Amino acid sequence: QVRLVESGGGSVQAGGSLRLSCAASNNSISAYCMAWFRRAPGKEREGVAGIIITGKDVYYTDSVKGRFTISRNNAENSLYLQMNSLKPEDTAMYYCAAAWSGDCYKVHYPTGRSFTSWGQGTQVTVSS
């Protein structure tokens, strides 16, 4: 498994931007497909964005399309989530997760099924 640590969360007003980072250690992310998830109080975990190993194919949940951008830098062993035009409903704890390449064919980005490495999360709070 790969160890993941998120950073970049904070409190912003609606319309603002944040950039989340996920730093990996003890293994190279070049062997993992990766994703961002979030969990708001009282709600189920939701897949926000996902990206395959090469970065050539990405997934976004409908509510963030056009506002969020997922990217990865395998050389820096990091995953990113650029969040623009933030809304109060984006308020949640955000987690990055990874699935080993051999399991990428069975991951389910909306729910997080088959992702086996998870970070501790970074809080994003958007005020109106």
Protein backbone atom coordinates (compact mmCIF):
# COMPACT_ATOMS: atom_id res chain seq x y z
CA GLN A 1 0.00 0.00 0.00
CA VAL A 2 0.95 3.62 -0.41
CA ARG A 3 0.84 6.13 2.43
CA LEU A 4 -1.16 9.27 1.61
CA VAL A 5 -1.24 12.67 3.32
CA GLU A 6 -3.63 15.41 2.22
CA SER A 7 -3.12 19.15 2.62
CA GLY A 8 -4.49 22.41 1.32
CA GLY A 9 -7.90 22.47 2.93
CA GLY A 10 -9.27 25.53 4.65
CA SER A 11 -12.13 27.97 4.93
CA VAL A 12 -13.14 30.11 1.98
CA GLN A 13 -16.13 32.13 0.87
CA ALA A 14 -18.39 30.95 -1.90
CA GLY A 15 -16.82 31.58 -5.26
CA GLY A 16 -13.33 31.11 -3.92
CA SER A 17 -10.69 28.54 -4.80
CA LEU A 18 -8.56 25.97 -3.04
CA ARG A 19 -5.95 23.52 -4.24
CA LEU A 20 -5.73 20.23 -2.43
CA SER A 21 -2.56 18.17 -2.50
CA CYS A 22 -2.00 14.53 -1.66
CA ALA A 23 1.57 13.50 -1.02
CA ALA A 24 2.43 9.82 -1.29
CA SER A 25 5.23 7.96 0.42
CA ASN A 26 6.64 4.43 0.81
CA ASN A 27 5.55 3.65 -2.73
CA SER A 28 5.36 5.34 -6.12
CA ILE A 29 1.93 6.53 -7.28
CA SER A 30 2.94 5.65 -10.82
CA ALA A 31 1.63 2.18 -10.01
CA TYR A 32 -1.75 3.41 -8.74
CA CYS A 33 -4.96 4.87 -10.06
CA MET A 34 -6.09 7.60 -7.70
CA ALA A 35 -9.06 9.64 -6.69
CA TRP A 36 -10.49 12.28 -4.39
CA PHE A 37 -13.50 11.60 -2.20
CA ARG A 38 -15.44 13.69 0.24
CA ARG A 39 -17.77 13.13 3.13
CA ALA A 40 -20.07 15.85 4.41
CA PRO A 41 -21.65 15.62 7.86
CA GLY A 42 -24.59 13.23 7.78
CA LYS A 43 -23.92 12.15 4.21
CA GLU A 44 -22.38 9.17 2.51
CA ARG A 45 -18.87 9.28 1.11
CA GLU A 46 -18.90 10.60 -2.45
CA GLY A 47 -16.40 10.19 -5.23
CA VAL A 48 -15.41 13.64 -6.44
CA ALA A 49 -12.79 12.96 -9.10
CA GLY A 50 -10.59 10.12 -10.27
CA ILE A 51 -7.61 9.71 -12.56
CA ILE A 52 -5.94 6.73 -14.15
CA ILE A 53 -2.21 6.03 -13.93
CA THR A 54 -1.28 7.86 -17.12
CA GLY A 55 -3.56 10.79 -16.35
CA LYS A 56 -5.18 10.45 -19.75
CA ASP A 57 -8.63 9.57 -18.44
CA VAL A 58 -10.46 11.27 -15.60
CA TYR A 59 -13.77 10.99 -13.77
CA TYR A 60 -15.80 13.78 -12.16
CA THR A 61 -19.03 13.64 -10.31
CA ASP A 62 -21.63 15.80 -12.01
CA SER A 63 -21.77 18.44 -9.30
CA VAL A 64 -18.11 19.44 -9.74
CA LYS A 65 -17.73 19.23 -13.51
CA GLY A 66 -16.37 22.46 -14.90
CA ARG A 67 -15.26 23.66 -11.45
CA PHE A 68 -12.78 21.04 -10.20
CA THR A 69 -9.70 19.66 -11.94
CA ILE A 70 -7.84 16.55 -10.85
CA SER A 71 -4.22 16.10 -11.83
CA ARG A 72 -1.24 14.01 -10.87
CA ASN A 73 2.51 14.37 -11.00
CA ASN A 74 4.02 10.93 -10.83
CA ALA A 75 7.54 12.35 -10.67
CA GLU A 76 6.58 14.36 -7.57
CA ASN A 77 4.55 11.44 -6.22
CA SER A 78 1.58 13.74 -5.73
CA LEU A 79 -2.08 14.07 -6.57
CA TYR A 80 -3.90 17.40 -6.80
CA LEU A 81 -7.42 18.78 -6.87
CA GLN A 82 -7.92 22.34 -8.05
CA MET A 83 -11.28 23.57 -6.82
CA ASN A 84 -12.73 26.76 -8.27
CA SER A 85 -16.08 28.48 -7.87
CA LEU A 86 -16.57 26.75 -4.57
CA LYS A 87 -20.06 26.44 -3.17
CA PRO A 88 -21.30 25.89 0.40
CA GLU A 89 -22.39 22.40 -0.64
CA ASP A 90 -18.72 21.55 -1.32
CA THR A 91 -18.10 21.71 2.42
CA ALA A 92 -16.76 18.32 3.51
CA MET A 93 -13.74 16.36 4.60
CA TYR A 94 -11.76 15.53 1.47
CA TYR A 95 -9.74 12.33 1.16
CA CYS A 96 -7.38 11.02 -1.46
CA ALA A 97 -7.23 7.33 -2.18
CA ALA A 98 -5.24 4.93 -4.31
CA ALA A 99 -5.77 1.53 -5.89
CA TRP A 100 -2.90 -0.61 -7.14
CA SER A 101 -2.71 -0.87 -10.92
CA GLY A 102 -3.76 -4.51 -10.93
CA ASP A 103 -7.05 -3.50 -9.30
CA CYS A 104 -7.77 -0.36 -11.32
CA TYR A 105 -10.09 -2.22 -13.67
CA LYS A 106 -12.51 -2.84 -10.81
CA VAL A 107 -12.50 0.48 -8.96
CA HIS A 108 -15.78 2.35 -8.73
CA TYR A 109 -15.08 6.05 -8.55
CA PRO A 110 -18.52 7.15 -7.29
CA THR A 111 -18.33 4.94 -4.18
CA GLY A 112 -14.65 4.21 -3.64
CA ARG A 113 -15.03 0.47 -4.01
CA SER A 114 -11.65 -1.30 -4.42
CA PHE A 115 -9.56 1.67 -3.31
CA THR A 116 -7.30 0.28 -0.60
CA SER A 117 -5.08 3.17 0.48
CA TRP A 118 -6.65 6.23 2.10
CA GLY A 119 -5.37 9.44 3.61
CA GLN A 120 -6.61 11.02 6.83
CA GLY A 121 -8.42 13.85 5.09
CA THR A 122 -8.33 17.63 4.90
CA GLN A 123 -11.31 19.80 5.80
CA VAL A 124 -12.84 22.19 3.27
CA THR A 125 -15.39 24.71 4.52
CA VAL A 126 -17.17 27.07 2.16
CA SER A 127 -19.25 29.87 3.62
CA SER A 128 -22.02 31.72 1.81
